[in-house]
Amino acid sequence: MSSATSSDSGLDTYSEILIDHNNVKDLFARYKHEANPKTKEAIVNTIIREIAVHGEAEEVSVYNELEAKGKQGESQHFRHEHQELEEALYEVDKSNFGAPDFDQKLTKAISIFVNHGTEEEKDVFPDFVKKLTTEENHKLAEKFIEMRKLVPTHPHPSAPQHGKAIHKLTGAATRPLDKIFDLARDYVDLKYQHPAKPGDPGTQPQDIDPALLRA
């Protein structure tokens, strides 16, 4: 068996998920402490991209595997939370940066993401990954990473969220349009990078200052 803290070779699904969770938390902390408006906007663009990519990749890989392993209830619960997050993130994506209510919308989306991620980290994924064989864990992590390269980079709350074939096809068709839109935006570098291996100290859950979640 493999776990998030094992020393086995190969990729670890839990570690890869934590990479994304930690990046979004780090980006939001950077946003809250950044004074330069141009840099702040680039950070927001990166947050939108990272949350959108993470959510879509998770739904068409990890959540499908949760269901295959008999955890349909957990998967459906997480998909529902993703829908709520997509709607909140869409409000950020379509808003003008610097608008009076912009920080409030952004903080709402981040709060949903952090609470959702904490539930995954504490209540579901560590136990789920421990029940995978080393090969299953590695292949699922690979699939998650690969899906990150194929899914949309912006929130599309009206698109399918069930992880089935039409979901994947819709994402594949939408991503090229999103990438064109991305060309007009600036982004910042990420602190944590894929892929990670089990036991990598950089893939432990990162805390976020609760004070940052107040708009």
C-alpha atoms as a PDB file:
ATOM      1  CA  MET A   1       0.000   0.000   0.000  1.00  0.00           C
ATOM      2  CA  SER A   2       1.027   3.607  -0.487  1.00  0.00           C
ATOM      3  CA  SER A   3       0.258   6.660   1.602  1.00  0.00           C
ATOM      4  CA  ALA A   4       0.788  10.390   1.473  1.00  0.00           C
ATOM      5  CA  THR A   5       3.790  10.045   3.762  1.00  0.00           C
ATOM      6  CA  SER A   6       5.342   6.827   2.469  1.00  0.00           C
ATOM      7  CA  SER A   7       8.827   6.562   1.067  1.00  0.00           C
ATOM      8  CA  ASP A   8       7.763   4.481  -1.924  1.00  0.00           C
ATOM      9  CA  SER A   9       8.910   5.667  -5.328  1.00  0.00           C
ATOM     10  CA  GLY A  10       6.353   7.079  -7.702  1.00  0.00           C
ATOM     11  CA  LEU A  11       3.820   9.876  -7.627  1.00  0.00           C
ATOM     12  CA  ASP A  12       1.291  10.399  -4.872  1.00  0.00           C
ATOM     13  CA  THR A  13      -2.226  11.656  -5.589  1.00  0.00           C
ATOM     14  CA  TYR A  14      -2.622  13.360  -2.222  1.00  0.00           C
ATOM     15  CA  SER A  15       0.671  15.215  -2.642  1.00  0.00           C
ATOM     16  CA  GLU A  16      -0.327  16.466  -6.089  1.00  0.00           C
ATOM     17  CA  ILE A  17      -3.641  17.764  -4.767  1.00  0.00           C
ATOM     18  CA  LEU A  18      -1.842  19.524  -1.919  1.00  0.00           C
ATOM     19  CA  ILE A  19       0.435  21.251  -4.433  1.00  0.00           C
ATOM     20  CA  ASP A  20      -2.613  23.041  -5.838  1.00  0.00           C
ATOM     21  CA  HIS A  21      -4.201  23.755  -2.467  1.00  0.00           C
ATOM     22  CA  ASN A  22      -0.941  25.207  -1.156  1.00  0.00           C
ATOM     23  CA  ASN A  23      -0.387  27.331  -4.251  1.00  0.00           C
ATOM     24  CA  VAL A  24      -3.798  28.997  -3.984  1.00  0.00           C
ATOM     25  CA  LYS A  25      -3.274  29.731  -0.279  1.00  0.00           C
ATOM     26  CA  ASP A  26       0.175  31.139  -1.003  1.00  0.00           C
ATOM     27  CA  LEU A  27      -1.126  33.256  -3.886  1.00  0.00           C
ATOM     28  CA  PHE A  28      -3.887  34.753  -1.775  1.00  0.00           C
ATOM     29  CA  ALA A  29      -1.452  35.617   1.007  1.00  0.00           C
ATOM     30  CA  ARG A  30       0.772  37.297  -1.569  1.00  0.00           C
ATOM     31  CA  TYR A  31      -2.217  39.198  -2.922  1.00  0.00           C
ATOM     32  CA  LYS A  32      -3.186  40.494   0.506  1.00  0.00           C
ATOM     33  CA  HIS A  33       0.339  41.731   1.210  1.00  0.00           C
ATOM     34  CA  GLU A  34       1.120  43.145  -2.261  1.00  0.00           C
ATOM     35  CA  ALA A  35       0.976  46.920  -2.755  1.00  0.00           C
ATOM     36  CA  ASN A  36       1.545  47.155  -6.517  1.00  0.00           C
ATOM     37  CA  PRO A  37      -1.847  47.088  -8.331  1.00  0.00           C
ATOM     38  CA  LYS A  38      -0.425  45.529 -11.490  1.00  0.00           C
ATOM     39  CA  THR A  39       1.168  42.703  -9.533  1.00  0.00           C
ATOM     40  CA  LYS A  40      -2.011  42.202  -7.503  1.00  0.00           C
ATOM     41  CA  GLU A  41      -4.010  41.830 -10.701  1.00  0.00           C
ATOM     42  CA  ALA A  42      -1.507  39.291 -12.043  1.00  0.00           C
ATOM     43  CA  ILE A  43      -1.837  37.326  -8.809  1.00  0.00           C
ATOM     44  CA  VAL A  44      -5.631  37.315  -9.147  1.00  0.00           C
ATOM     45  CA  ASN A  45      -5.343  36.056 -12.725  1.00  0.00           C
ATOM     46  CA  THR A  46      -3.141  33.239 -11.463  1.00  0.00           C
ATOM     47  CA  ILE A  47      -5.568  32.389  -8.655  1.00  0.00           C
ATOM     48  CA  ILE A  48      -8.461  32.153 -11.128  1.00  0.00           C
ATOM     49  CA  ARG A  49      -6.467  29.898 -13.451  1.00  0.00           C
ATOM     50  CA  GLU A  50      -5.173  27.640 -10.687  1.00  0.00           C
ATOM     51  CA  ILE A  51      -8.566  27.118  -9.015  1.00  0.00           C
ATOM     52  CA  ALA A  52     -10.285  26.494 -12.347  1.00  0.00           C
ATOM     53  CA  VAL A  53      -7.662  24.010 -13.545  1.00  0.00           C
ATOM     54  CA  HIS A  54      -7.463  22.223 -10.201  1.00  0.00           C
ATOM     55  CA  GLY A  55     -11.213  21.780  -9.893  1.00  0.00           C
ATOM     56  CA  GLU A  56     -11.761  20.494 -13.407  1.00  0.00           C
ATOM     57  CA  ALA A  57      -8.777  18.130 -13.288  1.00  0.00           C
ATOM     58  CA  GLU A  58      -9.918  16.762  -9.942  1.00  0.00           C
ATOM     59  CA  GLU A  59     -13.454  16.125 -11.182  1.00  0.00           C
ATOM     60  CA  VAL A  60     -12.427  14.123 -14.258  1.00  0.00           C
ATOM     61  CA  SER A  61      -9.796  12.059 -12.440  1.00  0.00           C
ATOM     62  CA  VAL A  62      -9.788  11.879  -8.640  1.00  0.00           C
ATOM     63  CA  TYR A  63     -13.539  12.180  -8.067  1.00  0.00           C
ATOM     64  CA  ASN A  64     -14.217   9.507 -10.666  1.00  0.00           C
ATOM     65  CA  GLU A  65     -11.848   7.198  -8.787  1.00  0.00           C
ATOM     66  CA  LEU A  66     -13.563   8.028  -5.502  1.00  0.00           C
ATOM     67  CA  GLU A  67     -16.803   6.813  -7.046  1.00  0.00           C
ATOM     68  CA  ALA A  68     -15.142   3.701  -8.436  1.00  0.00           C
ATOM     69  CA  LYS A  69     -13.942   2.878  -4.911  1.00  0.00           C
ATOM     70  CA  GLY A  70     -17.439   3.179  -3.449  1.00  0.00           C
ATOM     71  CA  LYS A  71     -17.246   6.744  -2.175  1.00  0.00           C
ATOM     72  CA  GLN A  72     -20.075   8.149  -4.291  1.00  0.00           C
ATOM     73  CA  GLY A  73     -21.402  10.259  -1.429  1.00  0.00           C
ATOM     74  CA  GLU A  74     -18.093  12.016  -0.883  1.00  0.00           C
ATOM     75  CA  SER A  75     -17.637  12.570  -4.618  1.00  0.00           C
ATOM     76  CA  GLN A  76     -21.096  14.075  -5.074  1.00  0.00           C
ATOM     77  CA  HIS A  77     -20.612  16.285  -2.042  1.00  0.00           C
ATOM     78  CA  PHE A  78     -17.320  17.591  -3.417  1.00  0.00           C
ATOM     79  CA  ARG A  79     -18.809  18.144  -6.878  1.00  0.00           C
ATOM     80  CA  HIS A  80     -21.575  20.214  -5.286  1.00  0.00           C
ATOM     81  CA  GLU A  81     -18.969  22.305  -3.499  1.00  0.00           C
ATOM     82  CA  HIS A  82     -17.066  22.729  -6.774  1.00  0.00           C
ATOM     83  CA  GLN A  83     -20.215  24.078  -8.392  1.00  0.00           C
ATOM     84  CA  GLU A  84     -20.564  26.640  -5.613  1.00  0.00           C
ATOM     85  CA  LEU A  85     -16.890  27.538  -6.004  1.00  0.00           C
ATOM     86  CA  GLU A  86     -17.157  27.877  -9.795  1.00  0.00           C
ATOM     87  CA  GLU A  87     -20.063  30.278  -9.423  1.00  0.00           C
ATOM     88  CA  ALA A  88     -18.151  32.409  -6.921  1.00  0.00           C
ATOM     89  CA  LEU A  89     -14.975  32.333  -9.033  1.00  0.00           C
ATOM     90  CA  TYR A  90     -16.946  33.282 -12.136  1.00  0.00           C
ATOM     91  CA  GLU A  91     -18.098  36.424 -10.333  1.00  0.00           C
ATOM     92  CA  VAL A  92     -14.449  37.299  -9.729  1.00  0.00           C
ATOM     93  CA  ASP A  93     -13.403  36.498 -13.287  1.00  0.00           C
ATOM     94  CA  LYS A  94     -16.041  38.717 -14.876  1.00  0.00           C
ATOM     95  CA  SER A  95     -15.545  41.634 -12.461  1.00  0.00           C
ATOM     96  CA  ASN A  96     -13.332  44.624 -13.088  1.00  0.00           C
ATOM     97  CA  PHE A  97     -10.191  44.459 -10.996  1.00  0.00           C
ATOM     98  CA  GLY A  98     -10.259  47.218  -8.414  1.00  0.00           C
ATOM     99  CA  ALA A  99     -14.049  47.513  -8.318  1.00  0.00           C
ATOM    100  CA  PRO A 100     -15.430  48.394  -4.845  1.00  0.00           C
ATOM    101  CA  ASP A 101     -16.711  44.869  -4.231  1.00  0.00           C
ATOM    102  CA  PHE A 102     -13.824  43.036  -5.906  1.00  0.00           C
ATOM    103  CA  ASP A 103     -11.987  42.018  -2.722  1.00  0.00           C
ATOM    104  CA  GLN A 104     -15.240  40.819  -1.194  1.00  0.00           C
ATOM    105  CA  LYS A 105     -15.937  38.557  -4.187  1.00  0.00           C
ATOM    106  CA  LEU A 106     -12.374  37.249  -4.241  1.00  0.00           C
ATOM    107  CA  THR A 107     -12.349  36.538  -0.509  1.00  0.00           C
ATOM    108  CA  LYS A 108     -15.651  34.662  -0.816  1.00  0.00           C
ATOM    109  CA  ALA A 109     -14.213  32.409  -3.532  1.00  0.00           C
ATOM    110  CA  ILE A 110     -11.025  31.804  -1.562  1.00  0.00           C
ATOM    111  CA  SER A 111     -12.983  31.002   1.600  1.00  0.00           C
ATOM    112  CA  ILE A 112     -15.027  28.377  -0.266  1.00  0.00           C
ATOM    113  CA  PHE A 113     -11.837  26.919  -1.752  1.00  0.00           C
ATOM    114  CA  VAL A 114     -10.000  26.787   1.586  1.00  0.00           C
ATOM    115  CA  ASN A 115     -12.914  25.223   3.470  1.00  0.00           C
ATOM    116  CA  HIS A 116     -13.467  22.685   0.684  1.00  0.00           C
ATOM    117  CA  GLY A 117      -9.769  21.858   0.513  1.00  0.00           C
ATOM    118  CA  THR A 118      -9.489  21.460   4.277  1.00  0.00           C
ATOM    119  CA  GLU A 119     -12.346  18.955   4.236  1.00  0.00           C
ATOM    120  CA  GLU A 120     -10.593  16.961   1.508  1.00  0.00           C
ATOM    121  CA  GLU A 121      -7.266  17.095   3.350  1.00  0.00           C
ATOM    122  CA  LYS A 122      -8.575  16.084   6.761  1.00  0.00           C
ATOM    123  CA  ASP A 123     -11.617  13.903   6.157  1.00  0.00           C
ATOM    124  CA  VAL A 124     -11.271  12.027   2.870  1.00  0.00           C
ATOM    125  CA  PHE A 125      -8.103  11.980   0.795  1.00  0.00           C
ATOM    126  CA  PRO A 126      -5.479  10.674   3.271  1.00  0.00           C
ATOM    127  CA  ASP A 127      -7.564   7.580   4.034  1.00  0.00           C
ATOM    128  CA  PHE A 128      -8.592   7.190   0.384  1.00  0.00           C
ATOM    129  CA  VAL A 129      -5.008   7.229  -0.885  1.00  0.00           C
ATOM    130  CA  LYS A 130      -3.871   4.745   1.772  1.00  0.00           C
ATOM    131  CA  LYS A 131      -6.318   2.230   0.302  1.00  0.00           C
ATOM    132  CA  LEU A 132      -4.810   2.512  -3.189  1.00  0.00           C
ATOM    133  CA  THR A 133      -1.988   0.253  -4.284  1.00  0.00           C
ATOM    134  CA  THR A 134       1.267   1.993  -5.129  1.00  0.00           C
ATOM    135  CA  GLU A 135       0.534   1.506  -8.835  1.00  0.00           C
ATOM    136  CA  GLU A 136      -3.046   2.810  -8.534  1.00  0.00           C
ATOM    137  CA  ASN A 137      -1.842   5.832  -6.611  1.00  0.00           C
ATOM    138  CA  HIS A 138       0.870   6.606  -9.147  1.00  0.00           C
ATOM    139  CA  LYS A 139      -1.463   6.219 -12.137  1.00  0.00           C
ATOM    140  CA  LEU A 140      -4.164   8.397 -10.564  1.00  0.00           C
ATOM    141  CA  ALA A 141      -1.612  11.105  -9.781  1.00  0.00           C
ATOM    142  CA  GLU A 142      -0.371  10.927 -13.372  1.00  0.00           C
ATOM    143  CA  LYS A 143      -3.919  11.247 -14.679  1.00  0.00           C
ATOM    144  CA  PHE A 144      -4.608  14.243 -12.441  1.00  0.00           C
ATOM    145  CA  ILE A 145      -1.454  15.982 -13.682  1.00  0.00           C
ATOM    146  CA  GLU A 146      -2.278  15.174 -17.303  1.00  0.00           C
ATOM    147  CA  MET A 147      -5.836  16.470 -16.945  1.00  0.00           C
ATOM    148  CA  ARG A 148      -4.461  19.764 -15.669  1.00  0.00           C
ATOM    149  CA  LYS A 149      -3.040  20.270 -19.156  1.00  0.00           C
ATOM    150  CA  LEU A 150      -6.366  19.585 -20.909  1.00  0.00           C
ATOM    151  CA  VAL A 151      -9.059  21.333 -18.877  1.00  0.00           C
ATOM    152  CA  PRO A 152     -10.336  24.949 -19.069  1.00  0.00           C
ATOM    153  CA  THR A 153      -8.362  27.711 -17.383  1.00  0.00           C
ATOM    154  CA  HIS A 154     -11.416  29.777 -16.433  1.00  0.00           C
ATOM    155  CA  PRO A 155     -14.572  28.940 -14.478  1.00  0.00           C
ATOM    156  CA  HIS A 156     -17.566  27.756 -16.488  1.00  0.00           C
ATOM    157  CA  PRO A 157     -20.321  27.107 -13.927  1.00  0.00           C
ATOM    158  CA  SER A 158     -22.918  26.167 -16.558  1.00  0.00           C
ATOM    159  CA  ALA A 159     -20.733  23.371 -17.982  1.00  0.00           C
ATOM    160  CA  PRO A 160     -21.135  19.694 -16.941  1.00  0.00           C
ATOM    161  CA  GLN A 161     -19.604  18.831 -13.558  1.00  0.00           C
ATOM    162  CA  HIS A 162     -20.157  15.068 -13.414  1.00  0.00           C
ATOM    163  CA  GLY A 163     -16.754  13.895 -14.668  1.00  0.00           C
ATOM    164  CA  LYS A 164     -18.157  11.749 -17.491  1.00  0.00           C
ATOM    165  CA  ALA A 165     -17.200  11.764 -21.194  1.00  0.00           C
ATOM    166  CA  ILE A 166     -19.250  14.848 -22.101  1.00  0.00           C
ATOM    167  CA  HIS A 167     -17.575  16.708 -19.242  1.00  0.00           C
ATOM    168  CA  LYS A 168     -14.149  15.885 -20.664  1.00  0.00           C
ATOM    169  CA  LEU A 169     -15.191  16.778 -24.216  1.00  0.00           C
ATOM    170  CA  THR A 170     -16.649  20.103 -23.112  1.00  0.00           C
ATOM    171  CA  GLY A 171     -13.445  20.932 -21.275  1.00  0.00           C
ATOM    172  CA  ALA A 172     -11.284  19.997 -24.245  1.00  0.00           C
ATOM    173  CA  ALA A 173     -13.362  22.254 -26.500  1.00  0.00           C
ATOM    174  CA  THR A 174     -13.343  25.172 -24.060  1.00  0.00           C
ATOM    175  CA  ARG A 175      -9.661  25.221 -23.141  1.00  0.00           C
ATOM    176  CA  PRO A 176      -8.378  26.638 -26.479  1.00  0.00           C
ATOM    177  CA  LEU A 177     -10.764  29.599 -26.154  1.00  0.00           C
ATOM    178  CA  ASP A 178      -9.678  30.165 -22.583  1.00  0.00           C
ATOM    179  CA  LYS A 179      -6.018  30.083 -23.617  1.00  0.00           C
ATOM    180  CA  ILE A 180      -6.642  32.807 -26.189  1.00  0.00           C
ATOM    181  CA  PHE A 181      -8.219  34.928 -23.478  1.00  0.00           C
ATOM    182  CA  ASP A 182      -5.212  34.201 -21.247  1.00  0.00           C
ATOM    183  CA  LEU A 183      -2.859  35.847 -23.737  1.00  0.00           C
ATOM    184  CA  ALA A 184      -4.134  39.266 -22.693  1.00  0.00           C
ATOM    185  CA  ARG A 185      -3.423  38.625 -19.017  1.00  0.00           C
ATOM    186  CA  ASP A 186      -0.328  38.689 -16.841  1.00  0.00           C
ATOM    187  CA  TYR A 187       0.473  35.931 -14.358  1.00  0.00           C
ATOM    188  CA  VAL A 188       2.923  35.274 -11.530  1.00  0.00           C
ATOM    189  CA  ASP A 189       5.093  32.262 -10.794  1.00  0.00           C
ATOM    190  CA  LEU A 190       3.874  29.493  -8.517  1.00  0.00           C
ATOM    191  CA  LYS A 191       5.700  28.563  -5.328  1.00  0.00           C
ATOM    192  CA  TYR A 192       4.991  24.819  -5.563  1.00  0.00           C
ATOM    193  CA  GLN A 193       5.426  22.712  -8.678  1.00  0.00           C
ATOM    194  CA  HIS A 194       4.158  19.375 -10.039  1.00  0.00           C
ATOM    195  CA  PRO A 195       5.057  16.532  -9.880  1.00  0.00           C
ATOM    196  CA  ALA A 196       5.736  15.674  -6.257  1.00  0.00           C
ATOM    197  CA  LYS A 197       6.664  12.373  -4.662  1.00  0.00           C
ATOM    198  CA  PRO A 198       5.363  10.782  -1.453  1.00  0.00           C
ATOM    199  CA  GLY A 199       6.846  12.347   1.636  1.00  0.00           C
ATOM    200  CA  ASP A 200       7.986  15.527  -0.115  1.00  0.00           C
ATOM    201  CA  PRO A 201       8.021  18.132   2.684  1.00  0.00           C
ATOM    202  CA  GLY A 202       6.752  20.716   0.216  1.00  0.00           C
ATOM    203  CA  THR A 203       3.476  18.830  -0.112  1.00  0.00           C
ATOM    204  CA  GLN A 204       2.317  18.938   3.488  1.00  0.00           C
ATOM    205  CA  PRO A 205      -0.925  20.899   4.043  1.00  0.00           C
ATOM    206  CA  GLN A 206      -0.216  24.603   4.432  1.00  0.00           C
ATOM    207  CA  ASP A 207      -2.211  26.686   6.902  1.00  0.00           C
ATOM    208  CA  ILE A 208      -3.628  30.066   5.956  1.00  0.00           C
ATOM    209  CA  ASP A 209      -3.992  32.972   8.355  1.00  0.00           C
ATOM    210  CA  PRO A 210      -7.745  33.257   9.097  1.00  0.00           C
ATOM    211  CA  ALA A 211      -7.338  37.033   9.142  1.00  0.00           C
ATOM    212  CA  LEU A 212      -6.634  36.929   5.404  1.00  0.00           C
ATOM    213  CA  LEU A 213     -10.114  35.550   4.777  1.00  0.00           C
ATOM    214  CA  ARG A 214     -11.748  38.761   5.958  1.00  0.00           C
ATOM    215  CA  ALA A 215     -12.378  41.122   3.032  1.00  0.00           C
END
